[in-house]
Amino acid sequence: MTASFHDLMGASVFITGGGSGIGVALTEGFLAQGAKVAFVGRSDASAFADAMAAKHGNRPLFIQCDITDTDALQDAIAQAAQTHGPLKALVNNAANDARHAAATITPAYWDEMQAVNLKAYFFACQKAASLMAPQGAMINFSSISYMFGAADMVAYTTANAGITGLTRSLAREWGPRGIRVNAIAPGWVFTEKQETMWATPDSKAAFLERQCLQDFMQPADMVGPVLFLASDVSAMMTGQTMVVDAGVVTTG
């Protein structure tokens, strides 16, 4: 970490999926800035919270929660605000990018994928907006996969496209209240899950050829952009989707 965002010192931050994958890097990134972090996840992340407390002297609040349980998710956000104060930032990071052939999708599977990848984002934003400090920020993780029409993940890419619409509409509606809403669209970030389930030497080499920058992206590469969007240094930026993908897609 080379940049300091002084307005994040002591700020109340809530992250979904903050104990695994990219979320681990985000949680630690905010803690390193001195923020008060609360995060949710389906799996027990108590050991991770202990490790962060030992490393940074700043323990995150972990609340075990399935984000598809809307009541539990909104209760967790309320608990975070009660513990750490009005929210400075919400980061909707948790997602399920499972691969699936379009012909095999059932209505139940479709609903399940939208529940975790889109519905939970909206209801987290809805609750956070009622508990947000002035000049608060929301950051919604999308993906470049919908921009280039990735095959074998249509339920996921549909939700990603929906996140862009969600972000733009909420930015417009809540802008008068001083709430900024932006999205971030990563390229292929090689988390442990990606390496285990889908990354092969051939698929990694092929994707690297699509990038302008010839380095594989890691979770830490997402931290700086998210801190920027959470901080007042991006005070006049809202309703936007920031692409961080080493140059695979182009915008503008």
Protein backbone atom coordinates (compact mmCIF):
# COMPACT_ATOMS: atom_id res chain seq x y z
CA MET A 1 0.00 0.00 0.00
CA THR A 2 1.55 3.27 -1.12
CA ALA A 3 -1.35 5.74 -0.79
CA SER A 4 -2.97 7.09 2.37
CA PHE A 5 -6.60 8.21 2.34
CA HIS A 6 -6.78 10.27 5.50
CA ASP A 7 -10.56 10.62 5.50
CA LEU A 8 -10.85 6.82 5.86
CA MET A 9 -9.15 6.89 9.26
CA GLY A 10 -11.82 5.86 11.75
CA ALA A 11 -14.44 5.58 8.99
CA SER A 12 -17.21 2.98 9.31
CA VAL A 13 -17.02 0.53 6.38
CA PHE A 14 -19.20 -2.49 5.58
CA ILE A 15 -18.06 -5.19 3.14
CA THR A 16 -19.97 -8.22 1.88
CA GLY A 17 -17.80 -11.31 1.42
CA GLY A 18 -14.98 -9.61 3.30
CA GLY A 19 -13.42 -12.83 4.59
CA SER A 20 -12.64 -14.62 1.32
CA GLY A 21 -11.27 -13.97 -2.15
CA ILE A 22 -10.97 -10.34 -3.14
CA GLY A 23 -12.80 -9.45 0.07
CA VAL A 24 -9.80 -10.47 2.20
CA ALA A 25 -7.63 -7.91 0.43
CA LEU A 26 -10.34 -5.25 0.73
CA THR A 27 -10.86 -5.81 4.45
CA GLU A 28 -7.14 -5.60 5.12
CA GLY A 29 -6.78 -2.58 2.84
CA PHE A 30 -9.37 -0.60 4.80
CA LEU A 31 -7.94 -1.75 8.13
CA ALA A 32 -4.50 -0.55 7.05
CA GLN A 33 -6.06 2.89 6.48
CA GLY A 34 -7.37 2.86 10.05
CA ALA A 35 -11.00 2.28 9.08
CA LYS A 36 -13.49 0.47 11.28
CA VAL A 37 -14.48 -2.50 9.17
CA ALA A 38 -17.46 -4.82 9.49
CA PHE A 39 -17.93 -7.68 7.04
CA VAL A 40 -20.22 -10.61 6.41
CA GLY A 41 -19.64 -14.02 4.91
CA ARG A 42 -21.28 -17.44 4.83
CA SER A 43 -18.24 -19.25 6.24
CA ASP A 44 -16.72 -18.66 9.66
CA ALA A 45 -14.03 -15.98 9.32
CA SER A 46 -13.25 -15.57 13.01
CA ALA A 47 -9.68 -16.76 12.52
CA PHE A 48 -9.15 -14.16 9.80
CA ALA A 49 -10.54 -11.45 12.08
CA ASP A 50 -8.13 -12.59 14.81
CA ALA A 51 -5.21 -12.44 12.38
CA MET A 52 -6.15 -8.93 11.26
CA ALA A 53 -6.39 -7.77 14.88
CA ALA A 54 -2.93 -9.16 15.59
CA LYS A 55 -1.43 -7.63 12.45
CA HIS A 56 -3.05 -4.19 12.47
CA GLY A 57 -4.19 -3.72 16.06
CA ASN A 58 -7.57 -3.05 14.50
CA ARG A 59 -10.07 -5.89 14.69
CA PRO A 60 -12.80 -6.11 12.06
CA LEU A 61 -16.32 -7.00 13.14
CA PHE A 62 -17.26 -10.31 11.52
CA ILE A 63 -20.94 -11.22 11.26
CA GLN A 64 -21.71 -14.62 9.80
CA CYS A 65 -24.50 -14.17 7.29
CA ASP A 66 -25.89 -15.50 4.01
CA ILE A 67 -26.44 -12.37 1.92
CA THR A 68 -29.42 -13.98 0.16
CA ASP A 69 -31.23 -13.77 3.51
CA THR A 70 -32.30 -10.15 3.15
CA ASP A 71 -33.39 -9.69 6.77
CA ALA A 72 -30.11 -11.11 8.08
CA LEU A 73 -28.08 -8.95 5.68
CA GLN A 74 -29.87 -5.76 6.62
CA ASP A 75 -29.64 -6.61 10.32
CA ALA A 76 -25.89 -7.08 9.91
CA ILE A 77 -25.55 -3.65 8.29
CA ALA A 78 -27.55 -2.12 11.16
CA GLN A 79 -25.28 -3.88 13.67
CA ALA A 80 -22.22 -2.52 11.92
CA ALA A 81 -23.54 1.05 12.06
CA GLN A 82 -24.51 0.66 15.70
CA THR A 83 -21.01 -0.62 16.55
CA HIS A 84 -18.86 1.63 14.37
CA GLY A 85 -21.09 4.63 13.66
CA PRO A 86 -22.81 5.87 10.49
CA LEU A 87 -21.45 4.22 7.38
CA LYS A 88 -18.82 5.99 5.33
CA ALA A 89 -18.71 3.23 2.73
CA LEU A 90 -20.55 0.10 1.63
CA VAL A 91 -18.70 -2.38 -0.58
CA ASN A 92 -20.90 -4.98 -2.29
CA ASN A 93 -18.23 -7.55 -3.12
CA ALA A 94 -19.73 -11.01 -2.52
CA ALA A 95 -20.72 -12.87 -5.68
CA ASN A 96 -21.04 -16.31 -7.25
CA ASP A 97 -19.48 -16.57 -10.72
CA ALA A 98 -20.23 -20.26 -11.21
CA ARG A 99 -19.98 -21.51 -14.78
CA HIS A 100 -23.13 -22.93 -16.38
CA ALA A 101 -24.40 -23.82 -19.83
CA ALA A 102 -27.45 -21.75 -20.77
CA ALA A 103 -29.42 -24.84 -21.81
CA THR A 104 -29.12 -26.36 -18.34
CA ILE A 105 -30.39 -23.39 -16.31
CA THR A 106 -33.58 -23.99 -14.34
CA PRO A 107 -35.85 -21.29 -12.92
CA ALA A 108 -34.64 -22.16 -9.41
CA TYR A 109 -30.98 -21.84 -10.42
CA TRP A 110 -31.66 -18.54 -12.19
CA ASP A 111 -33.35 -17.13 -9.09
CA GLU A 112 -30.51 -18.38 -6.90
CA MET A 113 -27.89 -16.63 -9.04
CA GLN A 114 -29.83 -13.35 -9.15
CA ALA A 115 -30.38 -13.50 -5.39
CA VAL A 116 -26.67 -13.51 -4.60
CA ASN A 117 -25.37 -11.47 -7.53
CA LEU A 118 -27.98 -8.70 -7.82
CA LYS A 119 -30.83 -8.79 -5.30
CA ALA A 120 -28.46 -8.75 -2.31
CA TYR A 121 -26.67 -5.73 -3.79
CA PHE A 122 -29.84 -3.68 -3.94
CA PHE A 123 -31.04 -4.51 -0.45
CA ALA A 124 -27.60 -3.85 1.01
CA CYS A 125 -27.65 -0.43 -0.67
CA GLN A 126 -31.19 0.21 0.54
CA LYS A 127 -30.30 -0.44 4.18
CA ALA A 128 -26.93 1.30 4.01
CA ALA A 129 -28.51 4.44 2.59
CA SER A 130 -30.61 4.81 5.74
CA LEU A 131 -27.50 4.51 7.93
CA MET A 132 -24.98 6.45 5.88
CA ALA A 133 -23.01 9.48 6.96
CA PRO A 134 -23.04 12.61 4.77
CA GLN A 135 -20.86 12.16 1.69
CA GLY A 136 -21.08 8.38 1.98
CA ALA A 137 -20.03 6.06 -0.81
CA MET A 138 -21.29 2.78 -2.21
CA ILE A 139 -19.10 0.57 -4.37
CA ASN A 140 -20.75 -2.30 -6.27
CA PHE A 141 -18.56 -5.02 -7.76
CA SER A 142 -19.53 -5.94 -11.29
CA SER A 143 -17.25 -7.60 -13.86
CA ILE A 144 -15.98 -7.10 -17.39
CA SER A 145 -17.45 -10.52 -18.22
CA TYR A 146 -20.75 -8.95 -19.25
CA MET A 147 -18.97 -6.32 -21.36
CA PHE A 148 -17.43 -8.86 -23.71
CA GLY A 149 -20.27 -11.38 -23.40
CA ALA A 150 -18.56 -14.25 -21.61
CA ALA A 151 -20.07 -17.63 -22.47
CA ASP A 152 -21.13 -20.29 -19.97
CA MET A 153 -22.08 -17.78 -17.26
CA VAL A 154 -25.14 -15.96 -18.58
CA ALA A 155 -26.91 -15.80 -15.21
CA TYR A 156 -23.83 -14.13 -13.73
CA THR A 157 -23.25 -11.73 -16.61
CA THR A 158 -26.91 -10.72 -16.60
CA ALA A 159 -26.58 -9.76 -12.95
CA ASN A 160 -23.35 -7.86 -13.71
CA ALA A 161 -25.14 -5.79 -16.34
CA GLY A 162 -27.94 -5.20 -13.85
CA ILE A 163 -25.44 -3.86 -11.33
CA THR A 164 -24.54 -1.10 -13.79
CA GLY A 165 -28.19 -0.06 -14.07
CA LEU A 166 -28.65 -0.31 -10.32
CA THR A 167 -25.59 1.87 -9.76
CA ARG A 168 -26.70 4.57 -12.19
CA SER A 169 -30.25 4.79 -10.88
CA LEU A 170 -29.28 4.90 -7.21
CA ALA A 171 -26.61 7.51 -7.95
CA ARG A 172 -29.30 9.70 -9.51
CA GLU A 173 -31.87 9.10 -6.76
CA TRP A 174 -29.55 9.51 -3.78
CA GLY A 175 -27.19 12.14 -5.18
CA PRO A 176 -29.20 14.99 -3.59
CA ARG A 177 -28.52 13.34 -0.22
CA GLY A 178 -24.77 13.37 -0.85
CA ILE A 179 -24.53 9.61 -1.39
CA ARG A 180 -22.25 8.52 -4.22
CA VAL A 181 -22.80 5.17 -5.94
CA ASN A 182 -20.20 3.69 -8.27
CA ALA A 183 -19.36 0.28 -9.67
CA ILE A 184 -16.03 -1.41 -10.25
CA ALA A 185 -15.58 -3.96 -13.03
CA PRO A 186 -12.52 -6.17 -12.53
CA GLY A 187 -10.95 -8.39 -15.12
CA TRP A 188 -9.92 -11.92 -14.20
CA VAL A 189 -8.55 -11.70 -10.67
CA PHE A 190 -6.74 -14.87 -9.65
CA THR A 191 -8.11 -15.66 -6.23
CA GLU A 192 -7.59 -19.08 -4.67
CA LYS A 193 -11.09 -20.05 -5.86
CA GLN A 194 -10.32 -19.10 -9.46
CA GLU A 195 -7.02 -20.96 -9.41
CA THR A 196 -8.64 -24.08 -7.96
CA MET A 197 -11.83 -24.25 -9.99
CA TRP A 198 -11.35 -22.65 -13.39
CA ALA A 199 -7.84 -21.44 -14.13
CA THR A 200 -5.69 -23.72 -16.26
CA PRO A 201 -2.31 -22.92 -17.82
CA ASP A 202 -3.97 -22.63 -21.25
CA SER A 203 -6.88 -20.45 -20.10
CA LYS A 204 -4.56 -18.16 -18.18
CA ALA A 205 -2.19 -17.78 -21.10
CA ALA A 206 -5.07 -17.03 -23.48
CA PHE A 207 -6.53 -14.40 -21.17
CA LEU A 208 -3.15 -12.79 -20.61
CA GLU A 209 -2.90 -12.25 -24.37
CA ARG A 210 -6.10 -10.17 -24.21
CA GLN A 211 -4.59 -7.83 -21.61
CA CYS A 212 -2.51 -4.77 -22.46
CA LEU A 213 -0.55 -5.22 -19.23
CA GLN A 214 1.14 -8.61 -19.15
CA ASP A 215 0.73 -9.49 -15.49
CA PHE A 216 -1.89 -11.70 -13.88
CA MET A 217 -4.25 -9.71 -11.70
CA GLN A 218 -4.31 -10.40 -7.97
CA PRO A 219 -6.82 -9.44 -5.22
CA ALA A 220 -4.47 -6.70 -4.02
CA ASP A 221 -4.92 -4.95 -7.37
CA MET A 222 -8.51 -4.16 -6.40
CA VAL A 223 -7.67 -2.42 -3.13
CA GLY A 224 -6.42 0.94 -4.40
CA PRO A 225 -9.36 1.52 -6.77
CA VAL A 226 -11.90 0.66 -4.05
CA LEU A 227 -10.20 2.93 -1.50
CA PHE A 228 -10.25 5.72 -4.09
CA LEU A 229 -13.99 5.29 -4.68
CA ALA A 230 -14.69 5.17 -0.93
CA SER A 231 -12.63 8.26 -0.17
CA ASP A 232 -13.58 11.90 -0.61
CA VAL A 233 -10.79 12.21 -3.18
CA SER A 234 -13.43 10.91 -5.63
CA ALA A 235 -16.05 13.30 -4.22
CA MET A 236 -17.47 14.33 -7.61
CA MET A 237 -17.52 10.85 -9.12
CA THR A 238 -20.82 8.97 -9.07
CA GLY A 239 -22.93 6.77 -11.32
CA GLN A 240 -19.79 5.43 -12.99
CA THR A 241 -18.32 2.01 -13.67
CA MET A 242 -14.55 1.89 -13.19
CA VAL A 243 -12.88 -0.87 -15.21
CA VAL A 244 -9.77 -2.42 -13.64
CA ASP A 245 -8.77 -5.22 -15.98
CA ALA A 246 -5.20 -4.60 -17.23
CA GLY A 247 -6.64 -3.36 -20.52
CA VAL A 248 -8.95 -6.08 -21.84
CA VAL A 249 -11.99 -3.94 -22.62
CA THR A 250 -12.24 -0.29 -23.55
CA THR A 251 -14.82 2.28 -22.45
CA GLY A 252 -15.70 5.78 -23.49
